[in-house]
Amino acid sequence: MTKTVSDALGIEPIGKLLIKQAVPASVGILVMSLNVLIDSIFVGNWIGSIAFAAINVVLPVSFFIGALGMSVGVGGSSIISRALGAGDKEKALKTFGNQITIALLLMVSLVILGLVFVDDIIPNFGGKGDIFEPAKIYYTIILYGVPILGFAMLGNTVIRAEGKPKFAMVAMIIPTVSNLFLDYLLIYVFDMGMHGAAWATTGSYMACFLYIFWFFASKNSELKISFRHLGLQKSIVGEITSLGGVTMARQAVVSITYLLMNNILFDLGQEGLVAVYAIIGRMLMFALFPVFGVTQGFLPIAGYNYGAKHYERVRETINTAIKYAAILATLVFIGLMIFPVEITALFLSNDTNLPAKELALNEFVLSHTATPMRWVFAATPIIALQLIGAAYFQAAGKALPALLLTLSRQGFFFIPLILILPKFYGELGVWISFPIADVLSTIVTGYFLNREIRTKLVTRESAT
């Protein structure tokens, strides 16, 4: 049988292989996170803090719909990795075709609903007061580009499942470069305000989609599907849905979290605290990029070797990924503990000629963000175990434990905490909910991962 690039996932040393997979994934996530970060800095400096808060209101809605593509992609990619590991290329092709059909049906339906109920959705996600109008402008334009983003995210996960992380990295770099260029052109040069920010982001989605379409149409991809692969197959749809549901549930909980946080913080401190959370939210996306990169690099290696029944390599992949991710998370933690004020200042305009209301808002945000940021990231060094542990069950095709562990942090712990603690501790109760949820979810994940390794991977290996 002719060797393919994906075969390396079952042959090369784990440490070397994880670095090869994780570095491009980390770079790609870094660049995309920088995209969100710098985009936010541009908006905060060139349009204003209210506009920055407005984008934070819209993000969970657009991310939720865009995450449909990622969830279908991750669910299908787990199947593809295991199918390639087992030498079943036809199943891999059929899975990819089914992913495309499912994503198209879901995303178009939700975009239509999102446009119909726009005036109800924005206030419910915290777009109240002065935030409503700029949020509506941004939301409406962004929504048109979200299906394109969904297909791009789907394709990116499949590229990684093929064992070609460098192409996946480039796919993540392209929208960042194009978005920053369009931000400068449309916001700074043509002074289009929120319209410019929204069209710049939508244009970057299209650039990413075109690159991924080229990848699969060219000789670089092993997965050459035809129209017959697009027809839905019940067993594959069920597996994609159950595994992809893990990612979708996680993003749904993230969106619910944004909804609750924006509303709770607006009640506690109006637009000021919403803007504070907007900055912290960006850092949650950006600062942990190396940890997320290791997690992304871990998935295809674990999935391929699980499919090939190389259980010793699966165990080694788990241990190595946790070690690498924990070291990186600790470095991130140190940086955030030392420089929270300097980080906050990047998002705020230093123009003294701004309206008095904008100047007052900037001063409030600058003086009120450091302590919350330290609380939010207080348990960062231990999150590697939680992320890798949940990712293992997804890579192995075990949908239920993957779902429960993925939801444990925000769904089972964080959301109840932010509903209860602020009643007793006010604003502080919101921020201390983050590290408490991190600690509790890590303990739960560690328990189930250790049990899986001792009772399933070792037993299965000894039987083969």
Protein backbone atom coordinates (compact mmCIF):
# COMPACT_ATOMS: atom_id res chain seq x y z
CA MET A 1 0.00 0.00 0.00
CA THR A 2 1.35 3.46 -0.93
CA LYS A 3 2.35 5.55 2.06
CA THR A 4 0.60 8.88 2.52
CA VAL A 5 1.43 11.90 4.66
CA SER A 6 -1.13 10.78 7.25
CA ASP A 7 0.85 7.53 7.81
CA ALA A 8 3.49 9.57 9.68
CA LEU A 9 1.00 10.03 12.53
CA GLY A 10 1.48 6.37 13.43
CA ILE A 11 5.24 6.14 12.86
CA GLU A 12 7.21 9.21 13.94
CA PRO A 13 8.34 9.74 17.57
CA ILE A 14 5.54 11.33 19.61
CA GLY A 15 7.54 14.31 20.88
CA LYS A 16 8.73 15.23 17.41
CA LEU A 17 5.31 14.57 15.92
CA LEU A 18 3.49 16.67 18.52
CA ILE A 19 5.82 19.60 17.93
CA LYS A 20 5.35 19.22 14.17
CA GLN A 21 1.56 19.27 14.61
CA ALA A 22 1.31 21.74 17.48
CA VAL A 23 3.67 24.48 16.26
CA PRO A 24 1.76 25.23 13.05
CA ALA A 25 -1.52 24.95 14.96
CA SER A 26 -0.18 27.35 17.61
CA VAL A 27 1.08 29.78 15.01
CA GLY A 28 -2.25 29.64 13.23
CA ILE A 29 -4.19 30.21 16.45
CA LEU A 30 -1.76 32.96 17.44
CA VAL A 31 -2.25 34.76 14.17
CA MET A 32 -6.03 34.42 14.33
CA SER A 33 -5.97 35.56 17.96
CA LEU A 34 -3.80 38.50 16.99
CA ASN A 35 -6.39 39.23 14.35
CA VAL A 36 -9.10 39.52 17.01
CA LEU A 37 -6.74 41.36 19.35
CA ILE A 38 -5.42 43.93 16.88
CA ASP A 39 -8.85 44.31 15.32
CA SER A 40 -10.13 45.18 18.80
CA ILE A 41 -7.26 47.62 19.35
CA PHE A 42 -8.03 49.32 16.02
CA VAL A 43 -11.73 49.57 16.85
CA GLY A 44 -11.04 50.82 20.38
CA ASN A 45 -8.60 53.48 19.19
CA TRP A 46 -10.20 54.52 15.89
CA ILE A 47 -13.91 54.20 16.69
CA GLY A 48 -14.19 54.10 20.50
CA SER A 49 -14.83 52.03 23.62
CA ILE A 50 -18.57 51.80 22.93
CA ALA A 51 -17.82 50.23 19.53
CA PHE A 52 -15.41 47.84 21.21
CA ALA A 53 -18.09 46.77 23.68
CA ALA A 54 -20.58 46.42 20.80
CA ILE A 55 -18.34 43.93 19.01
CA ASN A 56 -18.04 41.94 22.22
CA VAL A 57 -21.84 41.68 22.30
CA VAL A 58 -21.97 40.37 18.72
CA LEU A 59 -19.08 37.90 18.98
CA PRO A 60 -20.90 35.08 20.78
CA VAL A 61 -23.73 35.11 18.21
CA SER A 62 -21.48 35.07 15.15
CA PHE A 63 -19.06 32.63 16.79
CA PHE A 64 -21.91 30.29 17.61
CA ILE A 65 -23.02 30.08 13.98
CA GLY A 66 -19.44 29.97 12.70
CA ALA A 67 -18.70 27.25 15.23
CA LEU A 68 -21.25 25.05 13.48
CA GLY A 69 -18.62 24.61 10.80
CA MET A 70 -15.95 23.87 13.36
CA SER A 71 -18.13 21.38 15.24
CA VAL A 72 -19.02 19.51 12.06
CA GLY A 73 -15.36 19.70 11.10
CA VAL A 74 -14.02 18.42 14.42
CA GLY A 75 -16.63 15.66 14.64
CA GLY A 76 -15.93 14.47 11.12
CA SER A 77 -12.18 14.90 11.48
CA SER A 78 -12.14 12.48 14.40
CA ILE A 79 -13.76 9.92 12.11
CA ILE A 80 -11.39 10.78 9.24
CA SER A 81 -8.27 10.43 11.43
CA ARG A 82 -9.39 7.03 12.72
CA ALA A 83 -10.48 5.88 9.25
CA LEU A 84 -7.11 6.83 7.76
CA GLY A 85 -5.38 5.06 10.66
CA ALA A 86 -7.44 1.93 9.92
CA GLY A 87 -6.76 2.21 6.16
CA ASP A 88 -10.43 2.90 5.28
CA LYS A 89 -10.08 5.81 2.85
CA GLU A 90 -13.60 5.43 1.43
CA LYS A 91 -15.09 6.11 4.84
CA ALA A 92 -12.86 9.18 5.16
CA LEU A 93 -14.14 10.49 1.80
CA LYS A 94 -17.77 9.80 2.64
CA THR A 95 -17.35 11.54 5.98
CA PHE A 96 -15.88 14.65 4.37
CA GLY A 97 -18.74 14.82 1.88
CA ASN A 98 -21.32 14.45 4.64
CA GLN A 99 -19.60 17.21 6.61
CA ILE A 100 -20.07 19.64 3.74
CA THR A 101 -23.76 18.83 3.31
CA ILE A 102 -24.54 19.04 7.03
CA ALA A 103 -22.70 22.35 7.45
CA LEU A 104 -24.50 23.94 4.50
CA LEU A 105 -27.95 23.00 5.79
CA LEU A 106 -27.30 24.09 9.37
CA MET A 107 -25.49 27.37 8.79
CA VAL A 108 -27.82 28.80 6.16
CA SER A 109 -30.84 28.02 8.37
CA LEU A 110 -29.35 29.73 11.41
CA VAL A 111 -28.20 32.80 9.47
CA ILE A 112 -31.77 33.32 8.24
CA LEU A 113 -33.11 33.03 11.78
CA GLY A 114 -30.38 35.35 13.04
CA LEU A 115 -31.40 38.08 10.60
CA VAL A 116 -35.11 37.71 11.31
CA PHE A 117 -34.70 38.08 15.09
CA VAL A 118 -31.89 40.64 15.12
CA ASP A 119 -33.74 43.19 17.31
CA ASP A 120 -34.37 40.57 19.98
CA ILE A 121 -30.98 38.86 19.92
CA ILE A 122 -28.75 41.92 20.44
CA PRO A 123 -30.37 43.24 23.66
CA ASN A 124 -30.49 39.75 25.11
CA PHE A 125 -26.72 39.46 24.64
CA GLY A 126 -26.07 42.72 26.48
CA GLY A 127 -26.42 45.17 23.58
CA LYS A 128 -28.31 47.78 25.57
CA GLY A 129 -28.13 51.54 25.92
CA ASP A 130 -25.50 53.19 23.72
CA ILE A 131 -24.20 49.76 22.66
CA PHE A 132 -27.32 48.72 20.71
CA GLU A 133 -26.99 50.68 17.44
CA PRO A 134 -23.28 49.97 16.70
CA ALA A 135 -23.84 46.34 17.70
CA LYS A 136 -26.74 46.01 15.23
CA ILE A 137 -24.65 47.47 12.39
CA TYR A 138 -21.76 45.09 13.06
CA TYR A 139 -23.99 42.05 13.64
CA THR A 140 -26.00 42.42 10.42
CA ILE A 141 -22.96 42.64 8.14
CA ILE A 142 -20.97 39.94 9.95
CA LEU A 143 -23.84 37.49 9.74
CA TYR A 144 -23.63 37.41 5.95
CA GLY A 145 -20.05 36.19 6.14
CA VAL A 146 -20.49 33.65 8.91
CA PRO A 147 -21.41 30.70 6.61
CA ILE A 148 -18.18 31.35 4.71
CA LEU A 149 -16.28 31.29 8.00
CA GLY A 150 -18.04 28.06 8.96
CA PHE A 151 -16.88 26.28 5.80
CA ALA A 152 -13.36 27.64 6.30
CA MET A 153 -13.25 26.30 9.87
CA LEU A 154 -14.62 22.94 8.72
CA GLY A 155 -11.99 22.65 6.01
CA ASN A 156 -9.21 23.64 8.38
CA THR A 157 -9.93 20.77 10.77
CA VAL A 158 -10.04 18.29 7.88
CA ILE A 159 -6.68 19.54 6.60
CA ARG A 160 -5.21 18.88 10.05
CA ALA A 161 -6.83 15.44 10.15
CA GLU A 162 -4.90 14.60 6.97
CA GLY A 163 -1.68 15.32 8.87
CA LYS A 164 -0.89 18.56 7.00
CA PRO A 165 -0.66 21.20 9.72
CA LYS A 166 1.38 23.69 7.69
CA PHE A 167 -1.45 24.16 5.20
CA ALA A 168 -3.86 24.53 8.13
CA MET A 169 -1.56 27.18 9.58
CA VAL A 170 -1.52 29.18 6.34
CA ALA A 171 -5.32 28.97 6.22
CA MET A 172 -5.43 30.66 9.62
CA ILE A 173 -2.86 33.32 8.72
CA ILE A 174 -4.61 34.50 5.54
CA PRO A 175 -7.74 35.96 7.18
CA THR A 176 -5.63 37.76 9.77
CA VAL A 177 -3.44 39.54 7.25
CA SER A 178 -6.39 40.43 5.04
CA ASN A 179 -8.51 41.62 7.98
CA LEU A 180 -5.82 43.92 9.33
CA PHE A 181 -5.24 45.40 5.88
CA LEU A 182 -8.98 45.92 5.36
CA ASP A 183 -9.33 47.38 8.87
CA TYR A 184 -6.75 50.02 8.06
CA LEU A 185 -8.28 50.74 4.66
CA LEU A 186 -11.96 50.80 5.64
CA ILE A 187 -11.79 52.23 9.18
CA TYR A 188 -8.76 54.52 9.12
CA VAL A 189 -8.52 55.60 5.48
CA PHE A 190 -12.19 55.63 4.42
CA ASP A 191 -13.58 56.35 7.91
CA MET A 192 -16.41 53.81 7.58
CA GLY A 193 -16.66 53.22 11.34
CA MET A 194 -18.54 50.10 12.40
CA HIS A 195 -19.49 49.37 8.79
CA GLY A 196 -15.79 49.28 7.91
CA ALA A 197 -14.92 47.00 10.83
CA ALA A 198 -17.68 44.56 9.85
CA TRP A 199 -16.88 44.46 6.13
CA ALA A 200 -13.17 44.01 6.88
CA THR A 201 -13.94 40.92 8.98
CA THR A 202 -16.35 39.50 6.39
CA GLY A 203 -13.79 40.03 3.62
CA SER A 204 -11.17 38.16 5.62
CA TYR A 205 -13.53 35.18 5.94
CA MET A 206 -13.82 35.01 2.16
CA ALA A 207 -10.04 35.11 1.70
CA CYS A 208 -9.65 32.14 4.06
CA PHE A 209 -12.41 30.18 2.34
CA LEU A 210 -10.86 30.65 -1.10
CA TYR A 211 -7.51 29.30 0.10
CA ILE A 212 -9.09 26.21 1.66
CA PHE A 213 -11.16 25.59 -1.47
CA TRP A 214 -7.93 25.72 -3.49
CA PHE A 215 -6.26 23.21 -1.14
CA PHE A 216 -8.94 20.57 -1.60
CA ALA A 217 -9.20 21.21 -5.34
CA SER A 218 -5.43 20.82 -5.79
CA LYS A 219 -3.17 17.78 -5.53
CA ASN A 220 -2.22 18.71 -1.95
CA SER A 221 -5.23 16.90 -0.47
CA GLU A 222 -5.65 13.13 -0.24
CA LEU A 223 -9.43 13.56 0.03
CA LYS A 224 -10.89 13.94 -3.47
CA ILE A 225 -14.63 13.75 -3.03
CA SER A 226 -17.29 13.47 -5.72
CA PHE A 227 -21.03 14.22 -5.70
CA ARG A 228 -21.79 10.70 -4.47
CA HIS A 229 -19.95 11.46 -1.23
CA LEU A 230 -22.27 14.41 -0.51
CA GLY A 231 -25.30 12.18 -0.01
CA LEU A 232 -26.05 11.84 3.69
CA GLN A 233 -25.39 8.43 5.26
CA LYS A 234 -27.25 7.84 8.51
CA SER A 235 -24.44 6.12 10.42
CA ILE A 236 -21.86 8.78 9.48
CA VAL A 237 -24.25 11.65 10.18
CA GLY A 238 -24.96 10.15 13.59
CA GLU A 239 -21.26 9.88 14.43
CA ILE A 240 -20.45 13.37 13.14
CA THR A 241 -23.36 14.78 15.11
CA SER A 242 -22.45 13.04 18.35
CA LEU A 243 -18.76 13.96 18.18
CA GLY A 244 -19.29 17.39 16.66
CA GLY A 245 -21.93 18.02 19.26
CA VAL A 246 -19.12 18.22 21.80
CA THR A 247 -17.63 21.26 20.06
CA MET A 248 -21.05 22.70 19.34
CA ALA A 249 -22.15 22.31 22.95
CA ARG A 250 -18.95 23.97 24.11
CA GLN A 251 -19.55 26.95 21.82
CA ALA A 252 -23.21 27.10 22.80
CA VAL A 253 -22.15 27.30 26.45
CA VAL A 254 -19.58 29.99 25.55
CA SER A 255 -22.35 32.01 23.90
CA ILE A 256 -24.61 31.56 26.93
CA THR A 257 -21.72 32.63 29.12
CA TYR A 258 -21.25 35.83 27.12
CA LEU A 259 -24.99 36.47 27.33
CA LEU A 260 -25.01 36.08 31.10
CA MET A 261 -21.74 37.93 31.69
CA ASN A 262 -22.70 40.93 29.56
CA ASN A 263 -26.07 41.24 31.28
CA ILE A 264 -24.75 40.67 34.81
CA LEU A 265 -21.89 43.12 34.32
CA PHE A 266 -24.15 45.71 32.68
CA ASP A 267 -26.39 45.57 35.76
CA LEU A 268 -23.37 45.92 38.05
CA GLY A 269 -21.47 48.62 36.17
CA GLN A 270 -23.22 49.61 32.93
CA GLU A 271 -21.10 49.95 29.76
CA GLY A 272 -17.87 50.21 31.78
CA LEU A 273 -17.81 46.64 33.08
CA VAL A 274 -18.99 45.29 29.72
CA ALA A 275 -15.93 46.96 28.17
CA VAL A 276 -13.70 45.50 30.91
CA TYR A 277 -14.98 42.02 30.09
CA ALA A 278 -14.49 42.71 26.38
CA ILE A 279 -10.76 43.19 26.98
CA ILE A 280 -10.49 40.14 29.24
CA GLY A 281 -12.44 38.10 26.70
CA ARG A 282 -9.93 39.02 24.01
CA MET A 283 -7.09 37.91 26.25
CA LEU A 284 -8.87 34.60 26.90
CA MET A 285 -8.82 34.08 23.13
CA PHE A 286 -5.30 35.35 22.58
CA ALA A 287 -3.13 34.52 25.59
CA LEU A 288 -3.80 30.78 25.64
CA PHE A 289 -2.98 30.24 21.95
CA PRO A 290 0.00 27.91 22.62
CA VAL A 291 -2.10 25.70 24.89
CA PHE A 292 -4.89 25.52 22.32
CA GLY A 293 -2.25 24.80 19.68
CA VAL A 294 -0.98 21.78 21.59
CA THR A 295 -4.57 20.59 21.98
CA GLN A 296 -5.20 20.94 18.24
CA GLY A 297 -1.93 19.16 17.46
CA PHE A 298 -2.83 16.39 19.89
CA LEU A 299 -6.18 15.50 18.26
CA PRO A 300 -5.07 13.97 14.93
CA ILE A 301 -2.16 12.08 16.54
CA ALA A 302 -4.35 10.56 19.24
CA GLY A 303 -7.18 9.84 16.81
CA TYR A 304 -4.96 8.18 14.19
CA ASN A 305 -3.14 5.97 16.71
CA TYR A 306 -6.38 5.05 18.45
CA GLY A 307 -7.80 3.98 15.09
CA ALA A 308 -4.62 2.00 14.37
CA LYS A 309 -4.80 0.41 17.86
CA HIS A 310 -1.40 1.78 18.85
CA TYR A 311 -2.50 2.33 22.44
CA GLU A 312 0.96 2.80 23.87
CA ARG A 313 1.44 5.72 21.46
CA VAL A 314 -1.91 7.14 22.55
CA ARG A 315 -0.80 7.11 26.20
CA GLU A 316 2.51 8.70 25.31
CA THR A 317 0.71 11.37 23.28
CA ILE A 318 -1.52 12.21 26.25
CA ASN A 319 1.39 12.54 28.67
CA THR A 320 3.56 14.55 26.30
CA ALA A 321 0.73 16.92 25.33
CA ILE A 322 -0.16 17.63 28.96
CA LYS A 323 3.49 18.33 29.80
CA TYR A 324 4.02 20.71 26.88
CA ALA A 325 0.71 22.50 27.41
CA ALA A 326 1.27 22.92 31.17
CA ILE A 327 4.68 24.54 30.63
CA LEU A 328 3.24 26.97 28.09
CA ALA A 329 0.22 27.77 30.28
CA THR A 330 2.51 28.64 33.18
CA LEU A 331 4.49 31.08 31.03
CA VAL A 332 1.24 32.74 29.93
CA PHE A 333 0.14 32.97 33.58
CA ILE A 334 3.34 34.75 34.61
CA GLY A 335 3.02 37.34 31.85
CA LEU A 336 -0.60 38.15 32.66
CA MET A 337 0.06 38.48 36.37
CA ILE A 338 2.87 41.00 35.75
CA PHE A 339 1.49 43.19 32.93
CA PRO A 340 -2.32 43.53 33.22
CA VAL A 341 -2.34 47.34 33.18
CA GLU A 342 -0.04 47.58 30.17
CA ILE A 343 -2.20 45.05 28.31
CA THR A 344 -5.38 47.00 29.09
CA ALA A 345 -3.86 50.28 27.86
CA LEU A 346 -3.34 48.77 24.39
CA PHE A 347 -7.09 48.67 23.83
CA LEU A 348 -7.79 52.28 24.80
CA SER A 349 -7.25 55.50 22.88
CA ASN A 350 -4.85 58.02 24.40
CA ASP A 351 -6.45 60.88 22.48
CA THR A 352 -7.30 63.60 25.03
CA ASN A 353 -9.72 65.32 22.62
CA LEU A 354 -12.34 62.56 22.87
CA PRO A 355 -15.81 63.43 24.21
CA ALA A 356 -15.99 63.62 28.00
CA LYS A 357 -18.14 60.47 28.21
CA GLU A 358 -15.61 58.48 26.18
CA LEU A 359 -12.69 59.78 28.26
CA ALA A 360 -14.48 58.83 31.48
CA LEU A 361 -15.20 55.35 30.15
CA ASN A 362 -11.56 54.85 29.14
CA GLU A 363 -10.38 55.94 32.59
CA PHE A 364 -12.80 53.56 34.28
CA VAL A 365 -11.73 50.61 32.12
CA LEU A 366 -8.02 51.29 32.64
CA SER A 367 -8.38 51.46 36.41
CA HIS A 368 -10.76 48.50 36.78
CA THR A 369 -9.32 45.77 34.52
CA ALA A 370 -6.08 44.64 36.20
CA THR A 371 -7.60 42.89 39.23
CA PRO A 372 -10.31 41.07 37.27
CA MET A 373 -7.73 39.91 34.73
CA ARG A 374 -5.56 38.43 37.47
CA TRP A 375 -8.54 36.57 38.93
CA VAL A 376 -9.72 35.26 35.57
CA PHE A 377 -6.31 33.75 34.76
CA ALA A 378 -5.42 32.68 38.31
CA ALA A 379 -5.74 28.93 37.60
CA THR A 380 -4.19 29.00 34.12
CA PRO A 381 -1.22 26.68 34.94
CA ILE A 382 -3.54 23.70 35.56
CA ILE A 383 -5.92 23.98 32.59
CA ALA A 384 -3.71 21.84 30.32
CA LEU A 385 -4.98 18.68 32.00
CA GLN A 386 -8.60 19.68 31.47
CA LEU A 387 -8.17 20.59 27.79
CA ILE A 388 -6.09 17.56 26.80
CA GLY A 389 -8.24 15.20 28.86
CA ALA A 390 -11.46 16.29 27.17
CA ALA A 391 -9.76 16.27 23.76
CA TYR A 392 -8.63 12.65 24.21
CA PHE A 393 -12.19 11.36 24.51
CA GLN A 394 -13.16 13.33 21.41
CA ALA A 395 -10.19 11.98 19.44
CA ALA A 396 -11.09 8.43 20.51
CA GLY A 397 -14.66 8.86 19.29
CA LYS A 398 -16.18 8.69 22.79
CA ALA A 399 -18.81 11.35 22.41
CA LEU A 400 -20.58 11.25 25.78
CA PRO A 401 -17.56 11.57 28.10
CA ALA A 402 -16.05 14.12 25.71
CA LEU A 403 -19.26 16.15 25.88
CA LEU A 404 -19.55 15.99 29.66
CA LEU A 405 -15.92 16.89 30.28
CA THR A 406 -16.00 19.69 27.72
CA LEU A 407 -19.08 21.15 29.38
CA SER A 408 -17.79 20.67 32.91
CA ARG A 409 -15.90 23.95 33.19
CA GLN A 410 -18.41 26.45 31.87
CA GLY A 411 -21.66 24.51 31.87
CA PHE A 412 -21.55 22.60 35.14
CA PHE A 413 -19.39 24.93 37.23
CA PHE A 414 -18.89 28.42 35.80
CA ILE A 415 -22.47 29.33 34.87
CA PRO A 416 -23.92 28.30 38.25
CA LEU A 417 -21.11 30.18 39.99
CA ILE A 418 -21.73 33.48 38.17
CA LEU A 419 -25.42 33.19 38.91
CA ILE A 420 -24.81 32.62 42.65
CA LEU A 421 -21.58 34.35 43.76
CA PRO A 422 -22.38 37.91 42.55
CA LYS A 423 -25.44 37.88 44.82
CA PHE A 424 -23.07 37.65 47.80
CA TYR A 425 -19.83 39.28 46.56
CA GLY A 426 -20.98 41.63 43.80
CA GLU A 427 -18.49 42.21 41.00
CA LEU A 428 -15.81 40.17 42.78
CA GLY A 429 -18.13 37.17 42.68
CA VAL A 430 -18.08 37.30 38.89
CA TRP A 431 -14.30 37.25 38.61
CA ILE A 432 -13.55 34.60 41.24
CA SER A 433 -15.94 32.26 39.44
CA PHE A 434 -13.30 31.75 36.73
CA PRO A 435 -10.51 30.12 38.80
CA ILE A 436 -12.96 28.13 40.92
CA ALA A 437 -14.50 26.62 37.77
CA ASP A 438 -11.03 25.88 36.36
CA VAL A 439 -9.96 23.99 39.49
CA LEU A 440 -13.16 21.96 39.79
CA SER A 441 -13.28 20.95 36.11
CA THR A 442 -9.60 19.99 36.12
CA ILE A 443 -10.11 17.69 39.11
CA VAL A 444 -13.06 15.98 37.42
CA THR A 445 -11.25 15.59 34.08
CA GLY A 446 -8.10 14.26 35.76
CA TYR A 447 -10.10 11.58 37.52
CA PHE A 448 -11.82 10.30 34.37
CA LEU A 449 -8.70 10.52 32.20
CA ASN A 450 -6.64 8.55 34.73
CA ARG A 451 -9.35 5.90 34.95
CA GLU A 452 -9.49 5.65 31.15
CA ILE A 453 -5.73 5.18 30.86
CA ARG A 454 -5.59 2.53 33.60
CA THR A 455 -8.63 0.50 32.61
CA LYS A 456 -9.07 0.97 28.85
CA LEU A 457 -5.83 1.78 27.06
CA VAL A 458 -3.66 -0.63 29.07
CA THR A 459 -6.25 -3.43 28.91
CA ARG A 460 -6.79 -3.01 25.21
CA GLU A 461 -3.09 -3.00 24.45
CA SER A 462 -2.47 -6.19 26.42
CA ALA A 463 -5.26 -7.91 24.49
CA THR A 464 -3.83 -7.05 21.06
